[in-house]
Amino acid sequence: MLFIHGILVDQRLWTEVAEGLARKGFRCILPTWPLGSHSIPIDENAELSPIWVAKLIGDFITELDLADVTLVGSDTSGGLCQLVIDAYPEKVRRLVLTNCDAFDVFPPFPFTAIFAVLRGPKSIGLMLGQMRSKAVRHSPLGYGLLAADPDPALTASWLEPCRTDVRIRSNLAKLIGHVRATDLTDVSTRFPQFTKPVVLVWGMADRCFTPSPAKRMDALFPNSTLIEVPGAKTFVSLDAPGPVIDAVAGVGAK
C-alpha cells in the first residue's frame, strides 16, 4: 500500500489508516512528498510540477522495486495518482481515491483564489504567519474546510516547515505556479483504459469535492466501486478511517 498525501500535509494524514491496515497484515509505505510540508528542500532547478511529482512517485515505485502496488490518494494527491496511472499503468495494481481533484477541478474552490495569491515565498509567508492562530488555521478557508475536527497540533506541524524555511516556501510557490485546471482533463479521457480495480471512498459532507466527480469517475473506470461516507469531509482518513481501512483492505485482497 503506497500512500500519497496532498499539498500542505504530510504522511501523517494516513497514519491511522495505515496502522489499521498493518494490523491486518498489509505492508504500508507512507513517504513525505515535496508538497509544502516536507522538511528537506528540493533543488531549486527541479521542475516541481504535478507531472514531475507523478514521475517522482513512479520512480519511487521502481527504485524500491515495489510490486502488487495499491496506490492510495486524497485531495491534491488524488490528482497526482491519476497522473501516475495514466503515465505508468504497469506500476499500479489497484487504485483507491478518497475525495480529490479530478476533471477540471484542480484545485477546487475556494483554493483556486488562494492559489492565485500564493505565487511567491513572501505571499506564502504572510499567509502562514496568519495561520499560526488556530482560529484562522481551522477556519472555512483552512483545514476546517477539509476535516470535521482537525487536531491543532497536527495542522500546526504541517505548516511549520513552510513557515520557517524560505526554501520550502519557494518549493511550494513553484509547485502552485505549475498547477493548471486543465492538468487532469486529458487524463480523464483515458480512465476507461485503466481496467484494474478502483475504489472511491467519498466523504459526503465535503464542500470542496462534492459527490459529482466521484460519480463521474465511477462511471468511467471499468472496474470501479463507489463507497459513500456520511459526515466525512475531504480528509476521510481523519474523519472516518474505518471505511477507508475496509475499502483498502478489500481491494488489496483482490
Protein backbone atom coordinates (compact mmCIF):
# COMPACT_ATOMS: atom_id res chain seq x y z
CA MET A 1 0.00 0.00 0.00
CA LEU A 2 1.65 3.22 -1.15
CA PHE A 3 0.05 6.35 0.31
CA ILE A 4 0.24 9.77 -1.32
CA HIS A 5 -0.70 12.97 0.50
CA GLY A 6 -1.58 16.41 -0.83
CA ILE A 7 -0.39 20.00 -0.51
CA LEU A 8 0.47 21.29 2.99
CA VAL A 9 0.02 17.95 4.71
CA ASP A 10 2.41 15.05 5.19
CA GLN A 11 2.30 11.27 5.57
CA ARG A 12 0.52 11.53 8.94
CA LEU A 13 -2.71 12.15 7.04
CA TRP A 14 -2.72 8.36 6.61
CA THR A 15 -1.31 7.18 9.96
CA GLU A 16 -4.50 5.74 11.45
CA VAL A 17 -5.47 4.07 8.18
CA ALA A 18 -2.01 2.57 7.73
CA GLU A 19 -1.89 1.29 11.31
CA GLY A 20 -5.27 -0.37 10.85
CA LEU A 21 -4.10 -2.00 7.62
CA ALA A 22 -0.81 -3.08 9.18
CA ARG A 23 -2.77 -4.93 11.88
CA LYS A 24 -4.49 -6.79 9.05
CA GLY A 25 -1.11 -7.84 7.62
CA PHE A 26 -0.69 -5.27 4.83
CA ARG A 27 2.63 -3.57 4.16
CA CYS A 28 2.09 0.21 4.18
CA ILE A 29 4.56 2.79 2.88
CA LEU A 30 4.00 6.43 3.82
CA PRO A 31 6.58 8.78 2.28
CA THR A 32 6.54 12.53 2.75
CA TRP A 33 6.34 14.10 -0.71
CA PRO A 34 7.63 17.61 -1.60
CA LEU A 35 4.28 19.35 -1.38
CA GLY A 36 4.90 22.07 1.20
CA SER A 37 5.12 20.15 4.47
CA HIS A 38 8.42 18.48 3.59
CA SER A 39 11.47 19.29 5.71
CA ILE A 40 14.21 18.69 3.10
CA PRO A 41 14.12 21.32 0.33
CA ILE A 42 14.02 20.21 -3.29
CA ASP A 43 16.70 21.57 -5.62
CA GLU A 44 15.57 24.91 -7.00
CA ASN A 45 16.24 23.67 -10.54
CA ALA A 46 13.67 20.86 -10.22
CA GLU A 47 10.51 21.38 -12.24
CA LEU A 48 8.15 20.72 -9.31
CA SER A 49 5.03 20.43 -11.45
CA PRO A 50 2.25 17.88 -10.85
CA ILE A 51 3.64 15.82 -13.74
CA TRP A 52 7.13 15.98 -12.18
CA VAL A 53 5.75 14.77 -8.82
CA ALA A 54 3.88 11.95 -10.59
CA LYS A 55 7.18 10.91 -12.19
CA LEU A 56 8.79 11.05 -8.74
CA ILE A 57 6.13 8.63 -7.47
CA GLY A 58 6.73 6.34 -10.44
CA ASP A 59 10.48 6.44 -9.85
CA PHE A 60 9.92 5.70 -6.15
CA ILE A 61 7.99 2.55 -7.04
CA THR A 62 10.78 1.48 -9.39
CA GLU A 63 13.67 2.26 -7.03
CA LEU A 64 12.09 0.32 -4.16
CA ASP A 65 11.18 -2.48 -6.56
CA LEU A 66 7.59 -2.42 -5.31
CA ALA A 67 5.23 -4.96 -6.81
CA ASP A 68 1.49 -5.52 -6.47
CA VAL A 69 1.07 -1.83 -5.56
CA THR A 70 -2.17 -0.37 -4.27
CA LEU A 71 -1.89 3.40 -4.76
CA VAL A 72 -3.90 5.48 -2.28
CA GLY A 73 -4.52 9.21 -2.71
CA SER A 74 -6.57 12.11 -1.37
CA ASP A 75 -7.11 15.78 -2.19
CA THR A 76 -4.24 17.02 -4.40
CA SER A 77 -2.65 13.60 -4.33
CA GLY A 78 -5.73 12.03 -5.85
CA GLY A 79 -4.98 14.09 -8.94
CA LEU A 80 -1.33 13.02 -8.76
CA CYS A 81 -2.43 9.38 -8.58
CA GLN A 82 -4.48 9.88 -11.75
CA LEU A 83 -1.35 11.19 -13.48
CA VAL A 84 0.59 8.16 -12.23
CA ILE A 85 -1.85 5.54 -13.53
CA ASP A 86 -2.02 7.39 -16.85
CA ALA A 87 1.76 7.57 -17.35
CA TYR A 88 2.77 4.35 -15.59
CA PRO A 89 -0.23 1.99 -15.54
CA GLU A 90 2.06 -1.02 -15.35
CA LYS A 91 3.37 0.12 -11.93
CA VAL A 92 -0.03 0.14 -10.18
CA ARG A 93 -2.21 -2.90 -9.49
CA ARG A 94 -5.09 -1.10 -7.72
CA LEU A 95 -6.18 2.48 -7.04
CA VAL A 96 -8.02 3.90 -4.01
CA LEU A 97 -9.09 7.54 -4.01
CA THR A 98 -10.78 9.50 -1.29
CA ASN A 99 -12.16 12.98 -2.01
CA CYS A 100 -9.83 14.56 -4.53
CA ASP A 101 -9.22 16.72 -7.58
CA ALA A 102 -10.50 15.38 -10.90
CA PHE A 103 -11.54 16.56 -14.36
CA ASP A 104 -11.43 20.39 -14.41
CA VAL A 105 -11.38 20.76 -10.61
CA PHE A 106 -7.70 21.33 -9.79
CA PRO A 107 -7.74 22.91 -7.25
CA PRO A 108 -11.32 23.25 -6.00
CA PHE A 109 -12.96 26.48 -4.90
CA PRO A 110 -12.04 28.37 -2.70
CA PHE A 111 -8.44 27.20 -3.15
CA THR A 112 -8.46 28.49 -6.72
CA ALA A 113 -8.43 32.02 -5.28
CA ILE A 114 -5.87 31.13 -2.61
CA PHE A 115 -3.52 29.55 -5.17
CA ALA A 116 -3.80 32.68 -7.31
CA VAL A 117 -2.48 34.76 -4.41
CA LEU A 118 0.27 32.37 -3.30
CA ARG A 119 2.69 32.94 -6.14
CA GLY A 120 5.89 33.56 -4.17
CA PRO A 121 7.66 32.86 -0.87
CA LYS A 122 6.69 36.27 0.50
CA SER A 123 2.94 35.88 -0.01
CA ILE A 124 3.08 32.33 1.33
CA GLY A 125 4.98 33.54 4.39
CA LEU A 126 2.39 36.24 5.07
CA MET A 127 -0.47 33.75 4.83
CA LEU A 128 1.22 31.18 7.05
CA GLY A 129 2.01 33.86 9.60
CA GLN A 130 -1.72 34.47 10.00
CA MET A 131 -2.35 30.73 10.23
CA ARG A 132 -0.31 30.43 13.41
CA SER A 133 -3.65 31.20 15.04
CA LYS A 134 -5.76 28.07 15.44
CA ALA A 135 -8.91 30.09 14.71
CA VAL A 136 -7.54 31.10 11.31
CA ARG A 137 -5.90 27.75 10.60
CA HIS A 138 -9.15 25.86 11.27
CA SER A 139 -11.40 28.37 9.56
CA PRO A 140 -13.55 27.56 6.48
CA LEU A 141 -10.63 28.82 4.38
CA GLY A 142 -8.19 26.47 6.10
CA TYR A 143 -8.13 22.95 7.48
CA GLY A 144 -11.61 23.43 8.92
CA LEU A 145 -12.94 23.12 5.39
CA LEU A 146 -11.12 19.82 4.90
CA ALA A 147 -11.68 17.92 8.16
CA ALA A 148 -14.54 17.77 10.64
CA ASP A 149 -12.36 18.08 13.76
CA PRO A 150 -8.68 18.59 12.84
CA ASP A 151 -6.01 18.19 15.50
CA PRO A 152 -4.48 21.66 16.20
CA ALA A 153 -1.01 20.26 16.92
CA LEU A 154 -1.05 18.26 13.70
CA THR A 155 -2.18 21.14 11.49
CA ALA A 156 0.36 23.49 13.08
CA SER A 157 3.14 20.99 12.40
CA TRP A 158 2.04 20.67 8.77
CA LEU A 159 2.68 24.39 8.29
CA GLU A 160 5.91 24.57 10.29
CA PRO A 161 8.41 23.60 7.53
CA CYS A 162 6.96 26.10 5.08
CA ARG A 163 6.57 28.80 7.71
CA THR A 164 10.14 28.58 8.96
CA ASP A 165 12.16 27.78 5.81
CA VAL A 166 12.12 30.08 2.79
CA ARG A 167 13.44 27.22 0.63
CA ILE A 168 10.33 25.16 1.39
CA ARG A 169 8.18 28.20 0.64
CA SER A 170 9.97 28.56 -2.69
CA ASN A 171 9.29 24.89 -3.46
CA LEU A 172 5.61 25.33 -2.69
CA ALA A 173 5.35 28.53 -4.74
CA LYS A 174 6.91 26.78 -7.72
CA LEU A 175 4.54 23.81 -7.43
CA ILE A 176 1.46 26.03 -7.10
CA GLY A 177 2.65 28.05 -10.10
CA HIS A 178 2.64 24.87 -12.22
CA VAL A 179 -0.87 23.69 -11.25
CA ARG A 180 -3.33 24.13 -14.11
CA ALA A 181 -7.07 23.46 -14.14
CA THR A 182 -6.51 21.51 -17.37
CA ASP A 183 -3.87 19.16 -15.92
CA LEU A 184 -6.39 16.38 -15.28
CA THR A 185 -8.90 16.89 -18.09
CA ASP A 186 -6.90 14.99 -20.71
CA VAL A 187 -6.06 12.22 -18.25
CA SER A 188 -9.75 11.64 -17.52
CA THR A 189 -10.42 10.75 -21.15
CA ARG A 190 -8.27 7.64 -20.64
CA PHE A 191 -9.91 6.40 -17.44
CA PRO A 192 -11.68 3.63 -19.41
CA GLN A 193 -8.26 2.21 -20.32
CA PHE A 194 -7.41 1.54 -16.67
CA THR A 195 -9.25 -1.74 -16.14
CA LYS A 196 -7.72 -2.63 -12.76
CA PRO A 197 -9.72 -2.30 -9.51
CA VAL A 198 -10.57 1.26 -8.44
CA VAL A 199 -12.31 2.17 -5.18
CA LEU A 200 -13.64 5.68 -4.50
CA VAL A 201 -14.23 6.34 -0.78
CA TRP A 202 -16.08 9.64 -0.74
CA GLY A 203 -16.91 11.86 2.22
CA MET A 204 -20.42 13.18 1.62
CA ALA A 205 -20.10 16.30 3.81
CA ASP A 206 -17.34 17.75 1.65
CA ARG A 207 -17.98 21.21 0.19
CA CYS A 208 -14.78 21.17 -1.89
CA PHE A 209 -15.19 17.83 -3.63
CA THR A 210 -18.89 17.09 -3.97
CA PRO A 211 -20.15 13.61 -4.96
CA SER A 212 -20.42 14.68 -8.61
CA PRO A 213 -16.79 13.99 -9.66
CA ALA A 214 -16.82 10.71 -7.75
CA LYS A 215 -19.89 9.57 -9.67
CA ARG A 216 -18.29 10.65 -12.96
CA MET A 217 -15.10 8.72 -12.19
CA ASP A 218 -17.11 5.71 -11.06
CA ALA A 219 -18.89 5.71 -14.43
CA LEU A 220 -15.64 5.98 -16.42
CA PHE A 221 -13.41 3.45 -14.67
CA PRO A 222 -14.47 -0.03 -15.92
CA ASN A 223 -13.76 -1.81 -12.62
CA SER A 224 -14.85 0.77 -10.07
CA THR A 225 -16.67 0.81 -6.72
CA LEU A 226 -18.01 3.95 -5.05
CA ILE A 227 -18.35 3.96 -1.26
CA GLU A 228 -20.17 6.91 0.31
CA VAL A 229 -19.09 8.01 3.81
CA PRO A 230 -21.74 10.19 5.52
CA GLY A 231 -20.44 13.08 7.62
CA ALA A 232 -16.86 12.96 6.34
CA LYS A 233 -15.16 15.89 4.61
CA THR A 234 -12.13 15.91 2.29
CA PHE A 235 -9.80 14.18 4.76
CA VAL A 236 -11.84 10.99 5.05
CA SER A 237 -8.79 9.25 6.52
CA LEU A 238 -9.04 11.56 9.55
CA ASP A 239 -12.82 11.88 9.81
CA ALA A 240 -13.72 8.23 9.21
CA PRO A 241 -10.64 5.98 8.98
CA GLY A 242 -12.68 2.78 9.38
CA PRO A 243 -14.36 2.85 5.96
CA VAL A 244 -11.03 3.71 4.32
CA ILE A 245 -9.30 0.80 6.06
CA ASP A 246 -12.07 -1.57 4.99
CA ALA A 247 -12.01 -0.29 1.41
CA VAL A 248 -8.24 -0.53 1.02
CA ALA A 249 -8.12 -3.96 2.67
CA GLY A 250 -10.97 -5.16 0.47
CA VAL A 251 -9.41 -4.08 -2.79
CA GLY A 252 -5.97 -5.19 -1.58
CA ALA A 253 -7.23 -8.74 -1.18
CA LYS A 254 -8.22 -8.91 -4.86
